[in-house]
Amino acid sequence: DVSIMIVDVNEDPTLGFYLNIEYTNKTSDITLVYLLESVVANGYMMVTAWDGMLEPLTSGTSVIYIDPIYLEQAGITSIDKLELIIQVYDADDWFSDDILYGVYTIYPTGLTEEDIVIPNRPIGENETILVDSSILEMTVLETYMDEEWGYSLITYIENKTTDKELIFNLGEVSVNGYRISSLWS
């Protein structure tokens, strides 16, 4: 029903790391939505967005980017292992079973799983540790004012469990005693 092919893997000082892809809807009667749920580079989840929609029996080309600022924040100079969590579903029936859902791993530098060493992340002097338990660590790396989004935080979160997928979100935020609407998950 589906084909997704990485045609090329590149790195550019301005664009960052990117994958050129070709994808195909092989179904004869279903419009498909392709969604990159998340990307994990060398064990660090990256902020990235990619999606596409294809009518039956059509193909498309696209590019998946990983911004160099996120690689820099994680201390990644070479992506040795890249995990793509991809979902494909029926555009007209969101409640139907996924056509495809899975984790797909590539090794862009040719190293094997045994050769890859993911170093422990050192804590910087201006960072604030919010939680550090046996289950998770959450640290605020930096704060800044964004013209579009307002006051913003860059966070580092580590899931220390070996068998649980954790979901994080902000339930309530208070700034100087005032409850403020926030967006983060």
N, C-alpha and C. Protein backbone atom coordinates (compact mmCIF):
# COMPACT_ATOMS: atom_id res chain seq x y z
N ASP A 1 0.81 -1.21 0.00
CA ASP A 1 0.00 0.00 0.00
C ASP A 1 0.85 1.27 0.00
N VAL A 2 2.06 1.19 0.55
CA VAL A 2 2.86 2.39 0.79
C VAL A 2 4.32 2.11 0.44
N SER A 3 4.97 3.12 -0.11
CA SER A 3 6.42 3.05 -0.29
C SER A 3 7.00 4.39 0.17
N ILE A 4 8.03 4.33 1.00
CA ILE A 4 8.76 5.52 1.41
C ILE A 4 10.24 5.19 1.24
N MET A 5 10.93 5.95 0.41
CA MET A 5 12.32 5.66 0.10
C MET A 5 13.19 6.88 0.37
N ILE A 6 14.26 6.68 1.12
CA ILE A 6 15.24 7.74 1.31
C ILE A 6 16.17 7.71 0.10
N VAL A 7 16.14 8.78 -0.67
CA VAL A 7 16.92 8.85 -1.90
C VAL A 7 18.33 9.34 -1.63
N ASP A 8 18.45 10.26 -0.66
CA ASP A 8 19.74 10.89 -0.40
C ASP A 8 19.76 11.43 1.02
N VAL A 9 20.92 11.40 1.65
CA VAL A 9 21.12 11.95 2.98
C VAL A 9 22.22 13.00 2.85
N ASN A 10 21.95 14.22 3.34
CA ASN A 10 22.91 15.30 3.19
C ASN A 10 23.02 16.13 4.46
N GLU A 11 24.11 16.89 4.52
CA GLU A 11 24.31 17.85 5.60
C GLU A 11 24.75 19.16 4.96
N ASP A 12 24.16 20.24 5.45
CA ASP A 12 24.47 21.56 4.91
C ASP A 12 24.62 22.51 6.10
N PRO A 13 25.64 23.40 6.09
CA PRO A 13 25.83 24.30 7.23
C PRO A 13 24.61 25.17 7.54
N THR A 14 23.86 25.55 6.53
CA THR A 14 22.69 26.41 6.73
C THR A 14 21.43 25.60 6.98
N LEU A 15 21.20 24.58 6.16
CA LEU A 15 19.97 23.80 6.24
C LEU A 15 20.01 22.75 7.34
N GLY A 16 21.18 22.34 7.75
CA GLY A 16 21.31 21.27 8.72
C GLY A 16 21.32 19.92 8.03
N PHE A 17 20.84 18.92 8.71
CA PHE A 17 20.81 17.56 8.20
C PHE A 17 19.49 17.37 7.48
N TYR A 18 19.51 16.78 6.30
CA TYR A 18 18.24 16.56 5.61
C TYR A 18 18.24 15.29 4.78
N LEU A 19 17.04 14.77 4.62
CA LEU A 19 16.80 13.55 3.85
C LEU A 19 15.91 13.89 2.67
N ASN A 20 16.34 13.55 1.48
CA ASN A 20 15.47 13.64 0.30
C ASN A 20 14.72 12.33 0.21
N ILE A 21 13.40 12.40 0.10
CA ILE A 21 12.60 11.18 0.07
C ILE A 21 11.65 11.17 -1.12
N GLU A 22 11.28 9.96 -1.50
CA GLU A 22 10.20 9.72 -2.46
C GLU A 22 9.19 8.84 -1.74
N TYR A 23 7.92 9.15 -1.92
CA TYR A 23 6.89 8.34 -1.27
C TYR A 23 5.74 8.10 -2.23
N THR A 24 5.09 6.95 -2.09
CA THR A 24 4.08 6.52 -3.05
C THR A 24 2.86 5.96 -2.32
N ASN A 25 1.70 6.30 -2.85
CA ASN A 25 0.44 5.70 -2.42
C ASN A 25 0.09 4.65 -3.46
N LYS A 26 0.21 3.39 -3.10
CA LYS A 26 -0.05 2.29 -4.03
C LYS A 26 -1.51 1.82 -3.99
N THR A 27 -2.32 2.41 -3.10
CA THR A 27 -3.72 2.00 -3.03
C THR A 27 -4.48 2.55 -4.23
N SER A 28 -5.58 1.89 -4.57
CA SER A 28 -6.36 2.33 -5.73
C SER A 28 -7.54 3.21 -5.34
N ASP A 29 -7.84 3.30 -4.00
CA ASP A 29 -9.05 4.03 -3.63
C ASP A 29 -8.96 4.79 -2.31
N ILE A 30 -7.74 4.95 -1.74
CA ILE A 30 -7.61 5.63 -0.46
C ILE A 30 -6.61 6.79 -0.58
N THR A 31 -7.03 7.99 -0.17
CA THR A 31 -6.10 9.11 -0.07
C THR A 31 -5.36 8.95 1.25
N LEU A 32 -4.02 8.98 1.20
CA LEU A 32 -3.22 8.71 2.39
C LEU A 32 -2.53 9.95 2.91
N VAL A 33 -2.46 10.04 4.24
CA VAL A 33 -1.70 11.07 4.93
C VAL A 33 -0.44 10.41 5.47
N TYR A 34 0.71 11.02 5.18
CA TYR A 34 2.01 10.55 5.66
C TYR A 34 2.47 11.53 6.73
N LEU A 35 2.85 11.01 7.89
CA LEU A 35 3.21 11.87 9.01
C LEU A 35 4.48 11.35 9.67
N LEU A 36 5.44 12.23 9.85
CA LEU A 36 6.64 11.90 10.60
C LEU A 36 6.35 12.29 12.04
N GLU A 37 6.05 11.29 12.87
CA GLU A 37 5.66 11.56 14.25
C GLU A 37 6.82 12.13 15.04
N SER A 38 8.01 11.57 14.88
CA SER A 38 9.19 12.13 15.53
C SER A 38 10.45 11.56 14.89
N VAL A 39 11.56 12.23 15.20
CA VAL A 39 12.88 11.83 14.72
C VAL A 39 13.81 11.79 15.92
N VAL A 40 14.58 10.72 16.02
CA VAL A 40 15.55 10.58 17.10
C VAL A 40 16.93 10.44 16.45
N ALA A 41 17.81 11.39 16.75
CA ALA A 41 19.17 11.39 16.21
C ALA A 41 20.14 11.09 17.35
N ASN A 42 20.88 9.99 17.21
CA ASN A 42 21.86 9.59 18.24
C ASN A 42 21.24 9.56 19.63
N GLY A 43 19.99 9.13 19.74
CA GLY A 43 19.34 9.03 21.03
C GLY A 43 18.65 10.30 21.49
N TYR A 44 18.71 11.38 20.70
CA TYR A 44 18.07 12.64 21.07
C TYR A 44 16.90 12.91 20.12
N MET A 45 15.70 13.10 20.70
CA MET A 45 14.55 13.44 19.89
C MET A 45 14.72 14.86 19.37
N MET A 46 14.51 15.03 18.08
CA MET A 46 14.69 16.32 17.43
C MET A 46 13.34 16.96 17.12
N VAL A 47 13.30 18.27 17.13
CA VAL A 47 12.11 18.99 16.71
C VAL A 47 12.15 19.05 15.19
N THR A 48 11.18 18.47 14.56
CA THR A 48 11.11 18.49 13.10
C THR A 48 9.66 18.27 12.70
N ALA A 49 9.33 18.68 11.52
CA ALA A 49 7.97 18.49 11.04
C ALA A 49 8.01 18.08 9.58
N TRP A 50 7.27 17.07 9.25
CA TRP A 50 7.10 16.66 7.87
C TRP A 50 5.79 15.91 7.76
N ASP A 51 5.04 16.21 6.74
CA ASP A 51 3.86 15.44 6.42
C ASP A 51 3.57 15.58 4.94
N GLY A 52 2.74 14.72 4.46
CA GLY A 52 2.36 14.76 3.05
C GLY A 52 1.04 14.05 2.87
N MET A 53 0.39 14.33 1.76
CA MET A 53 -0.87 13.67 1.43
C MET A 53 -0.81 13.29 -0.04
N LEU A 54 -1.21 12.05 -0.33
CA LEU A 54 -1.20 11.59 -1.71
C LEU A 54 -2.53 10.94 -2.07
N GLU A 55 -3.02 11.29 -3.24
CA GLU A 55 -4.21 10.65 -3.80
C GLU A 55 -3.83 9.22 -4.20
N PRO A 56 -4.82 8.35 -4.42
CA PRO A 56 -4.51 6.98 -4.82
C PRO A 56 -3.64 6.93 -6.08
N LEU A 57 -2.72 5.98 -6.08
CA LEU A 57 -1.84 5.70 -7.22
C LEU A 57 -1.01 6.90 -7.65
N THR A 58 -0.55 7.69 -6.67
CA THR A 58 0.32 8.83 -6.99
C THR A 58 1.59 8.74 -6.14
N SER A 59 2.58 9.54 -6.54
CA SER A 59 3.86 9.60 -5.83
C SER A 59 4.24 11.05 -5.60
N GLY A 60 5.16 11.26 -4.67
CA GLY A 60 5.65 12.60 -4.40
C GLY A 60 7.10 12.56 -3.94
N THR A 61 7.72 13.72 -3.97
CA THR A 61 9.07 13.86 -3.43
C THR A 61 9.02 14.96 -2.37
N SER A 62 9.92 14.87 -1.39
CA SER A 62 9.92 15.84 -0.32
C SER A 62 11.26 15.80 0.39
N VAL A 63 11.41 16.69 1.36
CA VAL A 63 12.64 16.77 2.14
C VAL A 63 12.27 16.82 3.62
N ILE A 64 12.97 16.04 4.44
CA ILE A 64 12.84 16.08 5.89
C ILE A 64 14.08 16.78 6.43
N TYR A 65 13.90 17.89 7.15
CA TYR A 65 15.01 18.67 7.69
C TYR A 65 15.14 18.49 9.20
N ILE A 66 16.38 18.50 9.67
CA ILE A 66 16.66 18.63 11.09
C ILE A 66 17.49 19.89 11.23
N ASP A 67 16.93 20.91 11.87
CA ASP A 67 17.57 22.21 12.01
C ASP A 67 18.90 22.09 12.75
N PRO A 68 19.95 22.76 12.25
CA PRO A 68 21.26 22.65 12.90
C PRO A 68 21.27 23.14 14.35
N ILE A 69 20.36 24.04 14.72
CA ILE A 69 20.35 24.53 16.10
C ILE A 69 20.02 23.40 17.07
N TYR A 70 19.13 22.47 16.67
CA TYR A 70 18.76 21.36 17.55
C TYR A 70 19.91 20.35 17.67
N LEU A 71 20.61 20.15 16.59
CA LEU A 71 21.79 19.28 16.64
C LEU A 71 22.85 19.88 17.55
N GLU A 72 23.05 21.18 17.45
CA GLU A 72 24.03 21.88 18.29
C GLU A 72 23.64 21.79 19.76
N GLN A 73 22.35 22.00 20.07
CA GLN A 73 21.90 21.94 21.45
C GLN A 73 22.10 20.55 22.06
N ALA A 74 22.03 19.52 21.24
CA ALA A 74 22.23 18.15 21.73
C ALA A 74 23.71 17.75 21.68
N GLY A 75 24.55 18.62 21.14
CA GLY A 75 25.97 18.31 21.04
C GLY A 75 26.28 17.30 19.95
N ILE A 76 25.43 17.21 18.94
CA ILE A 76 25.61 16.24 17.86
C ILE A 76 26.37 16.89 16.71
N THR A 77 27.51 16.33 16.39
CA THR A 77 28.30 16.81 15.25
C THR A 77 28.21 15.85 14.07
N SER A 78 27.80 14.61 14.33
CA SER A 78 27.64 13.62 13.28
C SER A 78 26.47 12.72 13.66
N ILE A 79 25.50 12.60 12.76
CA ILE A 79 24.36 11.72 13.04
C ILE A 79 24.74 10.31 12.60
N ASP A 80 24.95 9.44 13.59
CA ASP A 80 25.34 8.06 13.32
C ASP A 80 24.14 7.13 13.28
N LYS A 81 23.08 7.48 14.01
CA LYS A 81 21.87 6.65 14.05
C LYS A 81 20.66 7.59 13.99
N LEU A 82 19.76 7.31 13.06
CA LEU A 82 18.58 8.14 12.89
C LEU A 82 17.36 7.23 12.90
N GLU A 83 16.45 7.49 13.85
CA GLU A 83 15.22 6.73 13.96
C GLU A 83 14.06 7.62 13.54
N LEU A 84 13.27 7.15 12.59
CA LEU A 84 12.11 7.88 12.08
C LEU A 84 10.86 7.14 12.51
N ILE A 85 9.98 7.81 13.23
CA ILE A 85 8.71 7.21 13.61
C ILE A 85 7.67 7.74 12.62
N ILE A 86 7.19 6.84 11.77
CA ILE A 86 6.33 7.22 10.64
C ILE A 86 4.95 6.61 10.79
N GLN A 87 3.95 7.44 10.50
CA GLN A 87 2.56 6.99 10.52
C GLN A 87 1.94 7.32 9.17
N VAL A 88 1.17 6.39 8.62
CA VAL A 88 0.42 6.63 7.39
C VAL A 88 -1.01 6.17 7.67
N TYR A 89 -1.98 7.04 7.34
CA TYR A 89 -3.38 6.70 7.61
C TYR A 89 -4.30 7.24 6.53
N ASP A 90 -5.53 6.77 6.55
CA ASP A 90 -6.56 7.15 5.59
C ASP A 90 -6.99 8.59 5.87
N ALA A 91 -6.86 9.46 4.89
CA ALA A 91 -7.19 10.88 5.06
C ALA A 91 -8.68 11.10 5.33
N ASP A 92 -9.51 10.17 4.88
CA ASP A 92 -10.96 10.33 5.03
C ASP A 92 -11.54 9.60 6.23
N ASP A 93 -10.71 8.81 6.94
CA ASP A 93 -11.19 8.05 8.08
C ASP A 93 -10.11 7.99 9.15
N TRP A 94 -10.02 9.03 9.97
CA TRP A 94 -8.98 9.15 10.98
C TRP A 94 -9.08 8.07 12.06
N PHE A 95 -10.24 7.44 12.19
CA PHE A 95 -10.44 6.45 13.24
C PHE A 95 -10.13 5.03 12.77
N SER A 96 -9.85 4.86 11.50
CA SER A 96 -9.50 3.52 11.02
C SER A 96 -8.08 3.18 11.46
N ASP A 97 -7.76 1.91 11.37
CA ASP A 97 -6.41 1.47 11.72
C ASP A 97 -5.39 2.13 10.79
N ASP A 98 -4.21 2.40 11.32
CA ASP A 98 -3.14 2.96 10.51
C ASP A 98 -2.81 2.00 9.36
N ILE A 99 -2.50 2.58 8.22
CA ILE A 99 -2.01 1.79 7.09
C ILE A 99 -0.58 1.35 7.41
N LEU A 100 0.16 2.24 8.08
CA LEU A 100 1.54 1.96 8.47
C LEU A 100 1.87 2.75 9.72
N TYR A 101 2.53 2.10 10.66
CA TYR A 101 3.05 2.79 11.84
C TYR A 101 4.26 2.01 12.31
N GLY A 102 5.40 2.71 12.40
CA GLY A 102 6.58 2.00 12.85
C GLY A 102 7.78 2.90 13.02
N VAL A 103 8.81 2.32 13.62
CA VAL A 103 10.10 2.99 13.81
C VAL A 103 11.05 2.43 12.77
N TYR A 104 11.65 3.30 11.99
CA TYR A 104 12.57 2.89 10.94
C TYR A 104 13.93 3.53 11.22
N THR A 105 14.97 2.71 11.27
CA THR A 105 16.29 3.16 11.68
C THR A 105 17.26 3.10 10.50
N ILE A 106 18.02 4.18 10.35
CA ILE A 106 19.09 4.20 9.35
C ILE A 106 20.39 4.61 10.06
N TYR A 107 21.49 4.23 9.46
CA TYR A 107 22.82 4.53 9.99
C TYR A 107 23.58 5.31 8.91
N PRO A 108 23.40 6.64 8.85
CA PRO A 108 23.96 7.45 7.76
C PRO A 108 25.48 7.39 7.61
N THR A 109 26.22 7.18 8.70
CA THR A 109 27.68 7.16 8.61
C THR A 109 28.23 5.76 8.40
N GLY A 110 27.35 4.75 8.40
CA GLY A 110 27.79 3.39 8.18
C GLY A 110 28.22 2.65 9.44
N LEU A 111 28.22 3.33 10.59
CA LEU A 111 28.55 2.65 11.84
C LEU A 111 27.45 1.66 12.17
N THR A 112 27.80 0.62 12.90
CA THR A 112 26.80 -0.34 13.36
C THR A 112 26.30 0.07 14.73
N GLU A 113 25.24 -0.56 15.18
CA GLU A 113 24.66 -0.28 16.50
C GLU A 113 25.71 -0.44 17.60
N GLU A 114 26.56 -1.44 17.47
CA GLU A 114 27.60 -1.71 18.46
C GLU A 114 28.69 -0.64 18.46
N ASP A 115 28.92 0.02 17.33
CA ASP A 115 29.98 1.03 17.22
C ASP A 115 29.56 2.39 17.76
N ILE A 116 28.27 2.63 17.86
CA ILE A 116 27.77 3.96 18.24
C ILE A 116 27.82 4.13 19.75
N VAL A 117 28.42 5.24 20.18
CA VAL A 117 28.50 5.56 21.60
C VAL A 117 27.76 6.88 21.81
N ILE A 118 26.73 6.85 22.64
CA ILE A 118 25.97 8.06 22.94
C ILE A 118 26.47 8.56 24.29
N PRO A 119 27.19 9.70 24.29
CA PRO A 119 27.75 10.18 25.56
C PRO A 119 26.68 10.75 26.49
N ASN A 120 26.97 10.72 27.78
CA ASN A 120 26.09 11.37 28.74
C ASN A 120 26.17 12.87 28.54
N ARG A 121 25.07 13.52 28.68
CA ARG A 121 25.01 14.96 28.47
C ARG A 121 25.44 15.68 29.75
N PRO A 122 26.48 16.52 29.68
CA PRO A 122 26.88 17.27 30.88
C PRO A 122 25.90 18.41 31.14
N ILE A 123 25.71 18.75 32.41
CA ILE A 123 24.83 19.86 32.78
C ILE A 123 25.62 21.16 32.71
N GLY A 124 25.07 22.15 32.01
CA GLY A 124 25.70 23.46 31.88
C GLY A 124 25.49 24.29 33.13
N GLU A 125 26.30 25.32 33.28
CA GLU A 125 26.25 26.12 34.52
C GLU A 125 25.01 26.99 34.65
N ASN A 126 24.37 27.40 33.55
CA ASN A 126 23.19 28.26 33.62
C ASN A 126 21.88 27.49 33.50
N GLU A 127 21.94 26.16 33.51
CA GLU A 127 20.75 25.35 33.36
C GLU A 127 20.07 25.14 34.71
N THR A 128 18.75 24.90 34.65
CA THR A 128 17.98 24.66 35.87
C THR A 128 17.36 23.28 35.79
N ILE A 129 17.71 22.42 36.73
CA ILE A 129 17.14 21.08 36.78
C ILE A 129 15.79 21.17 37.48
N LEU A 130 14.72 20.78 36.77
CA LEU A 130 13.38 20.79 37.35
C LEU A 130 13.07 19.47 38.04
N VAL A 131 13.43 18.35 37.40
CA VAL A 131 13.19 17.02 37.94
C VAL A 131 14.39 16.15 37.59
N ASP A 132 14.85 15.37 38.55
CA ASP A 132 15.88 14.37 38.29
C ASP A 132 15.58 13.17 39.16
N SER A 133 14.90 12.19 38.60
CA SER A 133 14.48 11.00 39.34
C SER A 133 14.96 9.76 38.60
N SER A 134 14.60 8.60 39.10
CA SER A 134 14.97 7.36 38.43
C SER A 134 14.16 7.15 37.15
N ILE A 135 13.07 7.90 36.99
CA ILE A 135 12.21 7.77 35.82
C ILE A 135 12.54 8.79 34.74
N LEU A 136 12.80 10.03 35.13
CA LEU A 136 13.04 11.07 34.13
C LEU A 136 13.91 12.18 34.67
N GLU A 137 14.47 12.91 33.72
CA GLU A 137 15.17 14.16 34.04
C GLU A 137 14.60 15.24 33.13
N MET A 138 14.32 16.40 33.70
CA MET A 138 13.86 17.54 32.92
C MET A 138 14.64 18.76 33.37
N THR A 139 15.29 19.40 32.40
CA THR A 139 16.16 20.53 32.67
C THR A 139 15.82 21.66 31.72
N VAL A 140 15.77 22.89 32.23
CA VAL A 140 15.61 24.06 31.38
C VAL A 140 17.01 24.51 30.97
N LEU A 141 17.29 24.46 29.67
CA LEU A 141 18.61 24.81 29.16
C LEU A 141 18.76 26.31 28.98
N GLU A 142 17.67 26.92 28.51
CA GLU A 142 17.75 28.34 28.16
C GLU A 142 16.34 28.92 28.13
N THR A 143 16.23 30.20 28.43
CA THR A 143 14.98 30.92 28.28
C THR A 143 15.23 32.12 27.38
N TYR A 144 14.21 32.51 26.64
CA TYR A 144 14.36 33.67 25.75
C TYR A 144 12.97 34.18 25.36
N MET A 145 12.94 35.39 24.84
CA MET A 145 11.69 35.99 24.37
C MET A 145 11.63 35.83 22.86
N ASP A 146 10.61 35.15 22.40
CA ASP A 146 10.39 34.93 20.98
C ASP A 146 9.32 35.91 20.51
N GLU A 147 9.56 36.62 19.42
CA GLU A 147 8.61 37.63 18.94
C GLU A 147 7.26 37.04 18.59
N GLU A 148 7.24 35.81 18.10
CA GLU A 148 5.98 35.20 17.69
C GLU A 148 5.31 34.45 18.85
N TRP A 149 6.07 33.67 19.64
CA TRP A 149 5.51 32.81 20.66
C TRP A 149 5.56 33.39 22.06
N GLY A 150 6.34 34.42 22.28
CA GLY A 150 6.47 35.00 23.61
C GLY A 150 7.59 34.34 24.39
N TYR A 151 7.49 34.35 25.71
CA TYR A 151 8.53 33.80 26.58
C TYR A 151 8.65 32.30 26.31
N SER A 152 9.85 31.84 26.02
CA SER A 152 10.05 30.46 25.60
C SER A 152 11.16 29.79 26.39
N LEU A 153 11.04 28.48 26.52
CA LEU A 153 12.04 27.68 27.21
C LEU A 153 12.59 26.62 26.25
N ILE A 154 13.88 26.40 26.31
CA ILE A 154 14.48 25.25 25.64
C ILE A 154 14.74 24.23 26.73
N THR A 155 14.20 23.02 26.58
CA THR A 155 14.31 22.01 27.63
C THR A 155 15.07 20.78 27.14
N TYR A 156 15.66 20.09 28.09
CA TYR A 156 16.24 18.78 27.86
C TYR A 156 15.43 17.82 28.73
N ILE A 157 14.90 16.76 28.11
CA ILE A 157 14.12 15.77 28.85
C ILE A 157 14.69 14.41 28.53
N GLU A 158 14.91 13.62 29.57
CA GLU A 158 15.43 12.27 29.37
C GLU A 158 14.47 11.27 30.00
N ASN A 159 14.02 10.31 29.20
CA ASN A 159 13.22 9.20 29.67
C ASN A 159 14.21 8.13 30.14
N LYS A 160 14.31 7.92 31.44
CA LYS A 160 15.28 6.97 31.98
C LYS A 160 14.74 5.55 32.06
N THR A 161 13.47 5.35 31.71
CA THR A 161 12.90 4.01 31.75
C THR A 161 13.37 3.22 30.53
N THR A 162 13.30 1.93 30.62
CA THR A 162 13.66 1.09 29.48
C THR A 162 12.44 0.51 28.79
N ASP A 163 11.27 0.67 29.41
CA ASP A 163 10.08 0.00 28.88
C ASP A 163 8.84 0.88 28.80
N LYS A 164 8.99 2.19 28.99
CA LYS A 164 7.81 3.06 28.98
C LYS A 164 8.02 4.23 28.05
N GLU A 165 6.96 4.55 27.30
CA GLU A 165 6.94 5.76 26.51
C GLU A 165 6.27 6.82 27.38
N LEU A 166 6.95 7.93 27.61
CA LEU A 166 6.42 8.98 28.47
C LEU A 166 5.89 10.12 27.62
N ILE A 167 4.79 10.71 28.06
CA ILE A 167 4.21 11.88 27.41
C ILE A 167 4.28 13.03 28.39
N PHE A 168 4.75 14.18 27.94
CA PHE A 168 4.90 15.36 28.79
C PHE A 168 4.01 16.47 28.26
N ASN A 169 3.40 17.21 29.17
CA ASN A 169 2.69 18.43 28.78
C ASN A 169 2.58 19.34 29.99
N LEU A 170 2.29 20.59 29.74
CA LEU A 170 2.10 21.57 30.81
C LEU A 170 0.62 21.68 31.10
N GLY A 171 0.24 21.40 32.34
CA GLY A 171 -1.16 21.51 32.73
C GLY A 171 -1.52 22.95 33.06
N GLU A 172 -0.69 23.58 33.89
CA GLU A 172 -0.92 24.97 34.29
C GLU A 172 0.42 25.67 34.36
N VAL A 173 0.43 26.94 33.99
CA VAL A 173 1.63 27.77 34.08
C VAL A 173 1.24 29.05 34.80
N SER A 174 2.07 29.44 35.76
CA SER A 174 1.85 30.68 36.49
C SER A 174 3.10 31.54 36.34
N VAL A 175 2.90 32.79 35.93
CA VAL A 175 4.00 33.74 35.79
C VAL A 175 3.70 34.94 36.67
N ASN A 176 4.58 35.17 37.64
CA ASN A 176 4.42 36.28 38.58
C ASN A 176 3.03 36.30 39.22
N GLY A 177 2.52 35.10 39.55
CA GLY A 177 1.24 34.98 40.23
C GLY A 177 0.03 34.98 39.31
N TYR A 178 0.22 35.08 37.99
CA TYR A 178 -0.90 35.08 37.05
C TYR A 178 -0.89 33.79 36.25
N ARG A 179 -2.05 33.15 36.16
CA ARG A 179 -2.15 31.95 35.33
C ARG A 179 -2.10 32.39 33.86
N ILE A 180 -1.24 31.69 33.12
CA ILE A 180 -0.99 32.06 31.73
C ILE A 180 -1.26 30.83 30.85
N SER A 181 -1.88 31.04 29.70
CA SER A 181 -2.05 29.94 28.74
C SER A 181 -0.70 29.60 28.14
N SER A 182 -0.43 28.32 27.99
CA SER A 182 0.83 27.90 27.40
C SER A 182 0.58 26.79 26.41
N LEU A 183 1.57 26.55 25.57
CA LEU A 183 1.49 25.50 24.57
C LEU A 183 2.77 24.70 24.62
N TRP A 184 2.67 23.44 25.02
CA TRP A 184 3.82 22.56 25.00
C TRP A 184 3.37 21.14 25.28
N SER A 185 3.91 20.22 24.51
CA SER A 185 3.64 18.80 24.73
C SER A 185 4.75 18.03 24.10
